[in-house]
Amino acid sequence: MKQPGGTTRAELAIEEKAKNLSPRDLDFVHKYLETGNITEAGRLAGFSESTAKTYCHELLKKPKIEEYLHEVKKNMAIRAG
């Protein structure tokens, strides 16, 4: 259902969750959704090779990241029908 201004409730939920993440973390999550590979997504988001291998695995376990990822995937499923 569209809200005033043409934004859906799901889109508003995603925007709200995104406010809790740094731009780099947001970039990482979107690269992860594109590639499906944590290490590659980390590198593409600007993390070093070693950081991409370790920190990015832990990043996906953080509640803020998990919640955002869940909202984005839910919205993708809704759009896919």
N, C-alpha and C. Protein backbone atom coordinates (compact mmCIF):
# COMPACT_ATOMS: atom_id res chain seq x y z
N MET A 1 0.84 -1.17 0.00
CA MET A 1 0.00 0.00 0.00
C MET A 1 0.89 1.23 0.00
N LYS A 2 0.56 2.17 -0.87
CA LYS A 2 1.31 3.40 -0.98
C LYS A 2 0.95 4.36 0.14
N GLN A 3 1.96 5.00 0.67
CA GLN A 3 1.81 6.03 1.69
C GLN A 3 1.82 7.39 0.97
N PRO A 4 1.49 8.45 1.69
CA PRO A 4 1.59 9.78 1.07
C PRO A 4 2.98 9.99 0.48
N GLY A 5 3.04 10.52 -0.71
CA GLY A 5 4.31 10.72 -1.38
C GLY A 5 4.71 9.56 -2.27
N GLY A 6 3.86 8.52 -2.34
CA GLY A 6 4.10 7.41 -3.25
C GLY A 6 5.05 6.33 -2.74
N THR A 7 5.38 6.35 -1.46
CA THR A 7 6.29 5.36 -0.88
C THR A 7 5.49 4.25 -0.22
N THR A 8 5.88 3.01 -0.45
CA THR A 8 5.18 1.88 0.16
C THR A 8 5.61 1.72 1.62
N ARG A 9 4.82 1.02 2.37
CA ARG A 9 5.15 0.74 3.77
C ARG A 9 6.47 -0.02 3.86
N ALA A 10 6.69 -0.97 2.95
CA ALA A 10 7.93 -1.75 2.95
C ALA A 10 9.14 -0.86 2.67
N GLU A 11 8.98 0.07 1.75
CA GLU A 11 10.07 0.99 1.44
C GLU A 11 10.38 1.89 2.64
N LEU A 12 9.35 2.32 3.34
CA LEU A 12 9.55 3.14 4.54
C LEU A 12 10.29 2.35 5.62
N ALA A 13 9.96 1.07 5.76
CA ALA A 13 10.63 0.22 6.74
C ALA A 13 12.11 0.08 6.39
N ILE A 14 12.41 -0.08 5.12
CA ILE A 14 13.80 -0.19 4.67
C ILE A 14 14.55 1.11 4.95
N GLU A 15 13.93 2.23 4.62
CA GLU A 15 14.56 3.53 4.86
C GLU A 15 14.85 3.74 6.35
N GLU A 16 13.91 3.34 7.18
CA GLU A 16 14.08 3.49 8.63
C GLU A 16 15.25 2.64 9.13
N LYS A 17 15.35 1.40 8.66
CA LYS A 17 16.45 0.52 9.07
C LYS A 17 17.79 1.04 8.54
N ALA A 18 17.78 1.62 7.34
CA ALA A 18 19.01 2.13 6.72
C ALA A 18 19.61 3.28 7.53
N LYS A 19 18.78 4.03 8.24
CA LYS A 19 19.28 5.16 9.03
C LYS A 19 20.24 4.71 10.12
N ASN A 20 20.15 3.44 10.53
CA ASN A 20 20.99 2.91 11.60
C ASN A 20 22.34 2.38 11.11
N LEU A 21 22.57 2.43 9.80
CA LEU A 21 23.79 1.86 9.23
C LEU A 21 24.67 2.95 8.62
N SER A 22 25.96 2.69 8.64
CA SER A 22 26.90 3.62 8.00
C SER A 22 26.78 3.46 6.48
N PRO A 23 27.18 4.48 5.72
CA PRO A 23 27.15 4.34 4.26
C PRO A 23 27.96 3.14 3.76
N ARG A 24 29.09 2.87 4.40
CA ARG A 24 29.92 1.74 3.98
C ARG A 24 29.23 0.40 4.27
N ASP A 25 28.56 0.32 5.42
CA ASP A 25 27.83 -0.90 5.74
C ASP A 25 26.66 -1.11 4.78
N LEU A 26 25.98 -0.03 4.44
CA LEU A 26 24.89 -0.12 3.46
C LEU A 26 25.42 -0.60 2.12
N ASP A 27 26.53 -0.04 1.71
CA ASP A 27 27.14 -0.44 0.44
C ASP A 27 27.49 -1.93 0.48
N PHE A 28 28.07 -2.37 1.59
CA PHE A 28 28.41 -3.78 1.74
C PHE A 28 27.17 -4.66 1.60
N VAL A 29 26.10 -4.31 2.28
CA VAL A 29 24.88 -5.13 2.23
C VAL A 29 24.36 -5.22 0.80
N HIS A 30 24.35 -4.11 0.09
CA HIS A 30 23.84 -4.13 -1.28
C HIS A 30 24.76 -4.92 -2.21
N LYS A 31 26.07 -4.80 -1.99
CA LYS A 31 27.01 -5.62 -2.79
C LYS A 31 26.82 -7.10 -2.46
N TYR A 32 26.55 -7.41 -1.21
CA TYR A 32 26.31 -8.80 -0.81
C TYR A 32 25.06 -9.34 -1.50
N LEU A 33 24.01 -8.53 -1.56
CA LEU A 33 22.78 -8.96 -2.23
C LEU A 33 23.02 -9.18 -3.72
N GLU A 34 23.89 -8.38 -4.31
CA GLU A 34 24.20 -8.52 -5.74
C GLU A 34 25.04 -9.75 -6.03
N THR A 35 26.06 -9.99 -5.19
CA THR A 35 27.03 -11.05 -5.49
C THR A 35 26.74 -12.36 -4.77
N GLY A 36 26.13 -12.28 -3.58
CA GLY A 36 25.91 -13.47 -2.78
C GLY A 36 27.18 -13.98 -2.11
N ASN A 37 28.26 -13.19 -2.21
CA ASN A 37 29.56 -13.60 -1.67
C ASN A 37 30.03 -12.54 -0.68
N ILE A 38 30.20 -12.94 0.58
CA ILE A 38 30.56 -11.99 1.63
C ILE A 38 31.91 -11.32 1.37
N THR A 39 32.91 -12.11 1.05
CA THR A 39 34.25 -11.55 0.85
C THR A 39 34.30 -10.61 -0.34
N GLU A 40 33.71 -11.02 -1.44
CA GLU A 40 33.70 -10.16 -2.64
C GLU A 40 32.91 -8.87 -2.37
N ALA A 41 31.79 -9.00 -1.68
CA ALA A 41 31.00 -7.82 -1.35
C ALA A 41 31.80 -6.86 -0.48
N GLY A 42 32.55 -7.41 0.47
CA GLY A 42 33.39 -6.57 1.32
C GLY A 42 34.44 -5.82 0.53
N ARG A 43 35.10 -6.53 -0.39
CA ARG A 43 36.11 -5.86 -1.24
C ARG A 43 35.46 -4.77 -2.09
N LEU A 44 34.32 -5.09 -2.70
CA LEU A 44 33.64 -4.11 -3.55
C LEU A 44 33.16 -2.90 -2.76
N ALA A 45 32.90 -3.09 -1.48
CA ALA A 45 32.45 -1.99 -0.62
C ALA A 45 33.62 -1.19 -0.05
N GLY A 46 34.84 -1.59 -0.40
CA GLY A 46 36.00 -0.82 0.00
C GLY A 46 36.78 -1.35 1.19
N PHE A 47 36.42 -2.53 1.68
CA PHE A 47 37.18 -3.14 2.77
C PHE A 47 38.42 -3.82 2.20
N SER A 48 39.48 -3.88 2.99
CA SER A 48 40.69 -4.57 2.54
C SER A 48 40.41 -6.07 2.42
N GLU A 49 41.30 -6.77 1.75
CA GLU A 49 41.14 -8.21 1.56
C GLU A 49 40.98 -8.94 2.90
N SER A 50 41.87 -8.65 3.84
CA SER A 50 41.82 -9.35 5.13
C SER A 50 40.57 -8.96 5.92
N THR A 51 40.18 -7.71 5.86
CA THR A 51 38.98 -7.26 6.56
C THR A 51 37.74 -7.88 5.93
N ALA A 52 37.73 -7.96 4.62
CA ALA A 52 36.59 -8.56 3.92
C ALA A 52 36.40 -10.01 4.34
N LYS A 53 37.51 -10.70 4.58
CA LYS A 53 37.42 -12.12 4.95
C LYS A 53 36.97 -12.34 6.38
N THR A 54 37.29 -11.42 7.27
CA THR A 54 36.97 -11.63 8.69
C THR A 54 35.83 -10.73 9.16
N TYR A 55 36.03 -9.43 9.10
CA TYR A 55 35.06 -8.48 9.64
C TYR A 55 33.70 -8.60 8.96
N CYS A 56 33.68 -8.76 7.66
CA CYS A 56 32.41 -8.78 6.93
C CYS A 56 31.56 -10.00 7.30
N HIS A 57 32.18 -11.11 7.63
CA HIS A 57 31.42 -12.27 8.10
C HIS A 57 30.73 -11.92 9.41
N GLU A 58 31.45 -11.24 10.28
CA GLU A 58 30.87 -10.82 11.56
C GLU A 58 29.83 -9.72 11.38
N LEU A 59 30.05 -8.87 10.39
CA LEU A 59 29.12 -7.77 10.12
C LEU A 59 27.71 -8.29 9.85
N LEU A 60 27.61 -9.38 9.10
CA LEU A 60 26.30 -9.94 8.78
C LEU A 60 25.56 -10.48 10.00
N LYS A 61 26.27 -10.69 11.09
CA LYS A 61 25.65 -11.20 12.31
C LYS A 61 25.14 -10.09 13.23
N LYS A 62 25.49 -8.85 12.92
CA LYS A 62 25.04 -7.73 13.75
C LYS A 62 23.54 -7.52 13.57
N PRO A 63 22.82 -7.32 14.66
CA PRO A 63 21.37 -7.17 14.58
C PRO A 63 20.90 -6.09 13.61
N LYS A 64 21.58 -4.94 13.60
CA LYS A 64 21.17 -3.86 12.69
C LYS A 64 21.28 -4.29 11.23
N ILE A 65 22.35 -5.01 10.92
CA ILE A 65 22.57 -5.49 9.55
C ILE A 65 21.55 -6.57 9.22
N GLU A 66 21.35 -7.51 10.14
CA GLU A 66 20.38 -8.59 9.92
C GLU A 66 18.98 -8.03 9.68
N GLU A 67 18.58 -7.04 10.47
CA GLU A 67 17.24 -6.45 10.32
C GLU A 67 17.10 -5.76 8.96
N TYR A 68 18.12 -5.01 8.57
CA TYR A 68 18.07 -4.32 7.28
C TYR A 68 18.01 -5.33 6.14
N LEU A 69 18.88 -6.32 6.20
CA LEU A 69 18.92 -7.35 5.16
C LEU A 69 17.58 -8.07 5.06
N HIS A 70 16.98 -8.37 6.21
CA HIS A 70 15.67 -9.02 6.23
C HIS A 70 14.61 -8.15 5.54
N GLU A 71 14.59 -6.87 5.84
CA GLU A 71 13.61 -5.96 5.22
C GLU A 71 13.80 -5.87 3.71
N VAL A 72 15.05 -5.78 3.29
CA VAL A 72 15.33 -5.68 1.85
C VAL A 72 14.90 -6.96 1.14
N LYS A 73 15.25 -8.12 1.70
CA LYS A 73 14.87 -9.40 1.09
C LYS A 73 13.35 -9.56 1.06
N LYS A 74 12.69 -9.14 2.14
CA LYS A 74 11.23 -9.23 2.19
C LYS A 74 10.62 -8.35 1.09
N ASN A 75 11.14 -7.16 0.92
CA ASN A 75 10.64 -6.27 -0.13
C ASN A 75 10.91 -6.85 -1.52
N MET A 76 12.06 -7.47 -1.70
CA MET A 76 12.37 -8.10 -2.99
C MET A 76 11.38 -9.23 -3.29
N ALA A 77 11.04 -10.01 -2.26
CA ALA A 77 10.09 -11.12 -2.44
C ALA A 77 8.70 -10.60 -2.78
N ILE A 78 8.30 -9.51 -2.14
CA ILE A 78 6.99 -8.91 -2.42
C ILE A 78 6.93 -8.44 -3.86
N ARG A 79 8.00 -7.79 -4.31
CA ARG A 79 8.03 -7.28 -5.68
C ARG A 79 8.06 -8.40 -6.72
N ALA A 80 8.70 -9.52 -6.35
CA ALA A 80 8.79 -10.65 -7.28
C ALA A 80 7.45 -11.36 -7.43
N GLY A 81 6.58 -11.14 -6.45
CA GLY A 81 5.24 -11.70 -6.52
C GLY A 81 5.14 -13.00 -5.86
